[in-house]
Protein backbone atom coordinates (compact mmCIF):
# COMPACT_ATOMS: atom_id res chain seq x y z
CA MET A 1 -0.45 -0.15 0.04
CA LEU A 2 2.68 2.34 1.11
CA LEU A 3 4.74 1.53 -2.02
CA LEU A 4 1.82 2.38 -4.29
CA THR A 5 1.21 5.53 -2.35
CA ALA A 6 4.72 6.48 -3.21
CA LEU A 7 4.19 5.44 -6.97
CA ILE A 8 1.22 7.69 -7.26
CA TRP A 9 2.48 10.67 -5.83
CA GLY A 10 5.85 10.48 -8.20
CA CYS A 11 3.55 10.43 -11.06
CA ALA A 12 1.50 13.07 -9.80
CA PHE A 13 4.54 15.67 -10.57
CA VAL A 14 4.83 14.11 -14.45
CA ALA A 15 0.24 14.94 -13.86
CA GLN A 16 1.22 18.79 -12.69
CA SER A 17 3.78 19.48 -15.16
CA THR A 18 1.56 18.47 -18.17
CA ALA A 19 -1.52 20.17 -16.72
CA MET A 20 0.26 23.59 -16.70
CA ASP A 21 0.08 23.59 -20.77
CA LEU A 22 -3.45 23.84 -20.76
CA ILE A 23 -4.39 26.16 -17.43
CA GLY A 24 -3.38 28.24 -14.96
CA PRO A 25 -1.30 26.88 -11.47
CA PHE A 26 -4.36 28.79 -8.95
CA THR A 27 -6.57 26.65 -11.47
CA PHE A 28 -4.72 23.32 -11.26
CA GLN A 29 -4.43 23.68 -7.23
CA GLY A 30 -8.16 24.33 -6.75
CA VAL A 31 -9.80 21.85 -8.08
CA ARG A 32 -7.86 19.48 -7.70
CA SER A 33 -8.07 20.09 -4.05
CA VAL A 34 -11.60 20.47 -3.71
CA ILE A 35 -12.18 17.11 -5.95
CA GLY A 36 -9.66 15.56 -2.98
CA SER A 37 -11.95 16.52 -0.51
CA ALA A 38 -14.39 15.58 -2.61
CA VAL A 39 -13.69 11.89 -2.51
CA LEU A 40 -12.80 12.09 0.66
CA ILE A 41 -16.50 12.29 2.10
CA PRO A 42 -17.52 8.44 0.80
CA VAL A 43 -13.88 7.45 2.71
CA ILE A 44 -14.95 8.96 6.04
CA MET A 45 -18.65 7.24 6.05
CA LEU A 46 -17.63 4.33 5.15
CA MET A 47 -14.99 4.01 7.68
CA ASP A 48 -17.56 5.62 10.12
CA GLY A 49 -20.00 2.66 8.97
CA LEU A 50 -16.79 -0.37 9.92
CA LYS A 51 -16.43 1.60 12.77
CA LYS A 52 -20.28 1.56 13.92
CA LYS A 53 -20.11 -2.16 13.37
CA GLU A 54 -17.11 -2.86 14.92
CA GLY A 55 -19.04 -0.74 18.46
CA THR A 56 -15.95 1.30 17.93
CA TYR A 57 -17.85 4.63 16.93
CA LYS A 58 -17.95 7.82 19.09
CA LYS A 59 -19.39 10.17 18.45
CA PRO A 60 -17.22 13.75 18.32
CA SER A 61 -17.79 16.16 20.73
CA ASP A 62 -18.12 19.83 20.88
CA SER A 63 -14.40 20.79 21.97
CA GLU A 64 -13.54 17.80 19.44
CA LYS A 65 -15.17 19.61 16.48
CA ARG A 66 -13.30 22.87 17.07
CA VAL A 67 -10.14 21.26 17.38
CA LEU A 68 -10.81 19.42 13.85
CA LEU A 69 -11.80 22.56 12.51
CA THR A 70 -9.03 24.88 13.57
CA GLY A 71 -6.69 22.47 12.97
CA GLY A 72 -8.10 21.54 9.22
CA ILE A 73 -8.18 25.26 8.34
CA ILE A 74 -4.81 25.79 10.23
CA CYS A 75 -3.07 22.91 7.65
CA GLY A 76 -5.28 23.67 4.73
CA VAL A 77 -4.13 27.44 4.59
CA ILE A 78 -0.28 26.14 4.45
CA MET A 79 -0.87 23.45 2.51
CA CYS A 80 -2.63 25.81 -0.12
CA VAL A 81 1.04 28.16 0.31
CA ALA A 82 2.86 25.14 -0.01
CA SER A 83 1.36 23.51 -2.69
CA ASN A 84 0.98 26.92 -5.27
CA LEU A 85 3.88 27.57 -5.02
CA GLN A 86 5.41 24.23 -5.84
CA GLN A 87 3.07 24.56 -8.87
CA PHE A 88 4.55 27.78 -9.76
CA GLY A 89 7.79 25.81 -9.83
CA ILE A 90 7.01 23.02 -11.56
CA MET A 91 6.24 25.51 -14.70
CA THR A 92 9.67 26.09 -15.28
CA THR A 93 11.66 22.90 -13.97
CA ASP A 94 11.36 19.19 -14.96
CA PRO A 95 9.13 17.33 -12.38
CA GLY A 96 11.21 15.23 -11.48
CA LYS A 97 13.79 17.65 -10.05
CA ALA A 98 10.98 19.52 -8.34
CA GLY A 99 10.32 15.87 -6.70
CA PHE A 100 13.82 15.64 -5.19
CA ILE A 101 13.79 18.80 -4.23
CA THR A 102 10.00 18.94 -2.40
CA ALA A 103 11.95 15.67 -0.60
CA MET A 104 13.91 18.00 1.00
CA TYR A 105 11.22 18.94 4.08
CA ILE A 106 12.30 15.20 5.27
CA LEU A 107 15.32 16.76 6.36
CA ILE A 108 13.58 20.28 7.03
CA VAL A 109 11.58 19.25 9.76
CA PRO A 110 14.69 18.48 12.39
CA VAL A 111 16.04 21.97 11.46
CA LEU A 112 12.51 23.71 12.09
CA GLY A 113 12.04 21.51 15.30
CA LEU A 114 15.08 23.49 16.78
CA PHE A 115 12.94 26.26 16.98
CA LEU A 116 10.38 23.93 19.21
CA LYS A 117 13.59 22.97 21.56
CA LYS A 118 14.02 19.54 19.53
CA ARG A 119 16.99 18.18 19.98
CA VAL A 120 18.93 17.57 16.60
CA PRO A 121 21.52 14.76 16.34
CA PRO A 122 24.59 14.43 14.45
CA ARG A 123 23.44 12.51 12.11
CA ILE A 124 21.03 14.30 10.65
CA TRP A 125 23.53 17.27 9.98
CA LEU A 126 25.34 15.51 8.22
CA CYS A 127 22.70 14.28 6.24
CA ILE A 128 21.65 17.74 6.04
CA LEU A 129 24.90 18.64 4.04
CA ALA A 130 25.19 16.02 2.01
CA ALA A 131 21.44 17.21 0.73
CA LEU A 132 22.04 20.42 -0.06
CA ALA A 133 25.51 19.20 -1.74
CA GLY A 134 23.54 17.45 -3.66
CA LEU A 135 21.10 20.15 -4.32
CA PHE A 136 23.78 21.98 -5.72
CA PHE A 137 24.57 19.15 -8.34
CA LEU A 138 20.78 18.82 -8.54
CA CYS A 139 19.81 22.68 -9.43
CA VAL A 140 22.68 24.47 -10.47
CA ASN A 141 23.67 24.54 -13.97
CA SER A 142 27.43 25.02 -14.34
CA GLY A 143 27.44 25.14 -18.08
CA THR A 144 25.74 29.07 -17.57
CA GLY A 145 27.51 30.78 -14.54
CA PHE A 146 26.11 28.35 -11.75
CA SER A 147 22.58 29.77 -12.28
CA VAL A 148 19.39 28.81 -10.14
CA SER A 149 16.06 28.48 -12.08
CA GLY A 150 13.31 30.16 -10.47
CA GLY A 151 11.59 27.68 -10.24
CA ASP A 152 13.61 25.45 -8.68
CA ILE A 153 13.64 28.19 -5.78
CA PHE A 154 10.04 28.53 -5.29
CA VAL A 155 10.02 24.17 -4.97
CA PHE A 156 12.49 25.06 -2.53
CA LEU A 157 10.17 27.44 -1.07
CA CYS A 158 7.46 25.01 -1.20
CA ALA A 159 9.51 21.93 0.80
CA ILE A 160 10.15 24.84 3.66
CA VAL A 161 6.31 25.64 3.76
CA PHE A 162 5.82 22.05 2.99
CA SER A 163 7.73 21.50 7.06
CA ILE A 164 5.36 23.46 8.38
CA HIS A 165 2.95 21.90 7.15
CA ILE A 166 4.19 18.69 8.84
CA LEU A 167 4.60 20.33 12.16
CA ALA A 168 1.27 21.25 12.05
CA VAL A 169 -0.04 17.62 10.85
CA ASP A 170 1.72 16.31 13.80
CA HIS A 171 0.44 18.95 16.25
CA TYR A 172 -4.02 17.88 15.19
CA ALA A 173 -3.17 14.30 13.66
CA PRO A 174 -3.40 13.02 17.33
CA LEU A 175 -6.01 14.83 18.45
CA VAL A 176 -9.00 14.80 15.57
CA ASP A 177 -9.65 12.27 13.20
CA GLY A 178 -6.68 12.00 10.61
CA VAL A 179 -8.70 11.34 7.57
CA ARG A 180 -11.56 13.89 8.43
CA LEU A 181 -8.67 16.61 9.45
CA SER A 182 -7.38 15.79 5.48
CA CYS A 183 -10.47 16.19 4.29
CA ILE A 184 -11.02 19.43 5.68
CA GLN A 185 -7.42 21.07 4.55
CA PHE A 186 -8.14 20.15 1.06
CA PHE A 187 -11.25 21.56 0.81
CA VAL A 188 -9.61 24.75 2.48
CA SER A 189 -6.56 24.84 0.91
CA GLY A 190 -9.38 24.07 -2.83
CA VAL A 191 -11.31 27.35 -2.38
CA LEU A 192 -8.35 29.82 -1.54
CA SER A 193 -6.61 28.26 -4.95
CA MET A 194 -9.65 29.43 -6.57
CA VAL A 195 -10.45 32.80 -4.84
CA LEU A 196 -6.52 33.21 -6.52
CA MET A 197 -8.12 31.27 -9.72
CA PHE A 198 -11.05 33.85 -10.04
CA THR A 199 -8.83 37.01 -9.12
CA PHE A 200 -5.51 36.30 -11.05
CA GLU A 201 -6.36 34.13 -13.73
CA LYS A 202 -9.37 33.49 -16.29
CA PRO A 203 -10.45 30.33 -15.80
CA SER A 204 -12.22 28.09 -18.98
CA VAL A 205 -14.89 25.27 -19.52
CA SER A 206 -12.60 24.01 -22.55
CA SER A 207 -9.56 24.38 -20.64
CA LEU A 208 -10.74 22.35 -17.75
CA VAL A 209 -11.96 19.49 -20.09
CA SER A 210 -8.28 19.33 -22.08
CA ALA A 211 -6.72 19.36 -18.50
CA ALA A 212 -9.64 16.65 -16.60
CA VAL A 213 -6.74 13.45 -17.16
CA PRO A 214 -3.86 15.71 -15.00
CA ILE A 215 -6.60 17.00 -12.70
CA LEU A 216 -8.63 13.53 -12.10
CA TYR A 217 -5.44 12.01 -11.26
CA ALA A 218 -4.33 14.65 -8.93
CA GLY A 219 -7.33 15.11 -7.52
CA ILE A 220 -8.89 11.47 -6.75
CA GLY A 221 -4.95 9.63 -7.06
CA SER A 222 -2.81 11.78 -5.44
CA CYS A 223 -5.86 13.12 -2.52
CA GLY A 224 -8.13 10.59 -2.37
CA ILE A 225 -6.58 7.11 -3.46
CA ALA A 226 -2.99 7.60 -1.77
CA TYR A 227 -4.11 9.29 1.13
CA THR A 228 -6.40 6.28 2.20
CA LEU A 229 -3.74 4.10 1.75
CA GLN A 230 -1.17 5.40 3.49
CA ILE A 231 -4.02 6.01 6.55
CA LEU A 232 -4.12 1.64 6.03
CA GLY A 233 -0.90 1.10 5.29
CA GLN A 234 0.44 2.66 8.55
CA LYS A 235 -1.02 0.99 10.63
CA TYR A 236 0.85 -2.23 9.71
CA THR A 237 4.01 -1.10 9.10
CA LYS A 238 6.80 0.58 11.38
CA PRO A 239 7.14 4.69 11.02
CA THR A 240 10.18 4.24 10.08
CA VAL A 241 9.90 1.60 7.45
CA ALA A 242 6.62 3.85 6.69
CA SER A 243 8.71 6.97 5.83
CA LEU A 244 11.44 5.02 3.65
CA LEU A 245 8.77 3.51 1.77
CA MET A 246 6.79 6.85 1.09
CA SER A 247 10.21 8.62 0.64
CA LEU A 248 10.49 6.56 -2.88
CA GLU A 249 8.20 9.27 -3.96
CA SER A 250 10.97 11.22 -5.53
CA VAL A 251 12.87 7.85 -7.64
CA PHE A 252 9.01 7.30 -8.99
CA ALA A 253 9.37 10.72 -10.26
CA VAL A 254 12.24 10.91 -11.83
CA LEU A 255 10.93 7.53 -13.18
CA ALA A 256 7.76 8.81 -14.07
CA GLN A 257 9.45 11.91 -15.82
CA ILE A 258 11.84 9.97 -18.22
CA VAL A 259 8.59 6.90 -19.29
CA ILE A 260 5.96 9.30 -19.44
CA LEU A 261 7.45 12.79 -20.62
CA ARG A 262 10.96 11.60 -22.18
CA ILE A 263 12.86 14.05 -20.08
CA ILE A 264 16.28 12.26 -18.93
CA PRO A 265 18.45 13.65 -16.80
CA SER A 266 22.09 15.05 -17.23
CA ASP A 267 24.65 13.65 -15.24
CA ARG A 268 25.44 16.27 -13.07
CA GLU A 269 21.73 15.87 -12.37
CA THR A 270 21.58 11.75 -11.09
CA PHE A 271 24.65 12.17 -9.04
CA GLY A 272 22.59 15.30 -6.90
CA CYS A 273 19.44 12.74 -7.37
CA ILE A 274 21.64 9.94 -5.79
CA LEU A 275 23.35 12.17 -3.04
CA MET A 276 20.17 13.47 -2.32
CA PHE A 277 18.35 10.05 -2.05
CA ALA A 278 20.88 8.88 0.20
CA ALA A 279 20.49 11.68 2.50
CA ILE A 280 17.14 10.79 2.95
CA ILE A 281 17.43 7.21 3.46
CA ALA A 282 20.23 7.98 5.48
CA ALA A 283 18.34 10.43 8.20
CA GLN A 284 14.71 8.25 8.28
CA LEU A 285 17.00 5.18 9.46
CA PRO A 286 16.79 4.33 13.07
CA GLU A 287 19.84 5.02 15.86
CA ARG A 288 21.53 2.27 16.76
CA ARG A 289 21.10 2.97 20.38
CA LYS A 290 17.40 2.37 19.45
CA ALA A 291 17.84 -0.35 17.27
CA LYS A 292 19.34 -2.61 19.98
CA GLU A 293 16.93 -2.25 22.64
CA GLN A 294 14.25 -2.79 20.44
CA VAL A 295 15.83 -5.91 19.68
CA ASN A 296 16.58 -6.37 23.55
CA MET A 297 12.90 -5.68 23.52
């Protein structure tokens, strides 16, 4: 389930890139997010039905509803900013490259945790340095005077905002139902993006129809199906293994770019991808001491 989740998310970068030839970034994010929210409604109803049959269903209290609504709005606003930054970046950078830069959130989250007085192990700092070196080879074009594209900068900013989003979800997810939280955040993100869509873009029915395939893939597949598979998969998998499997999203993004769009990364970009992926994997491996404790238990 988690491997399929990573595959769906990785291919979504190609869908996002393809859609930019047909519609504006705010239009894409607005429509796909609302679709993603709508897809999760029957999932919520199905899960509630199963809980009622098992006798484990509990009606949320008014205070729990307030926390859910607050968390959904906060996470939705942050997601709106991150998603649109990513979409603007994908307009001028390759999908595979965007996938790897976005995956930097795995290393940025511990750094942001310093502001919450959370210790960062020395190993993570080494991983961050390795990832930054990989980012240099991936994004900096030596043939044009060591320039960085605007799209790369947008996607890197997206990774920073997604890191903030992860911390927000980490705070609210234990307090409320995860699928409901996701449904609300997708809806909020979609509505805000649609406001920007009508303000800065001129969407038409014909353009939406022409971009229907990437929109539906990103909305139903990436938001609805993949998120549900993540929820189900993580119930039966250790957190470290789950994060390792889902980090393959960046690899699938490059493979999808090669197979679908026929865009082959350069040797320099490939080396940057390998360096970044090694850093991402190393950052998620458990510490030896913890591993020994688990074996002894």
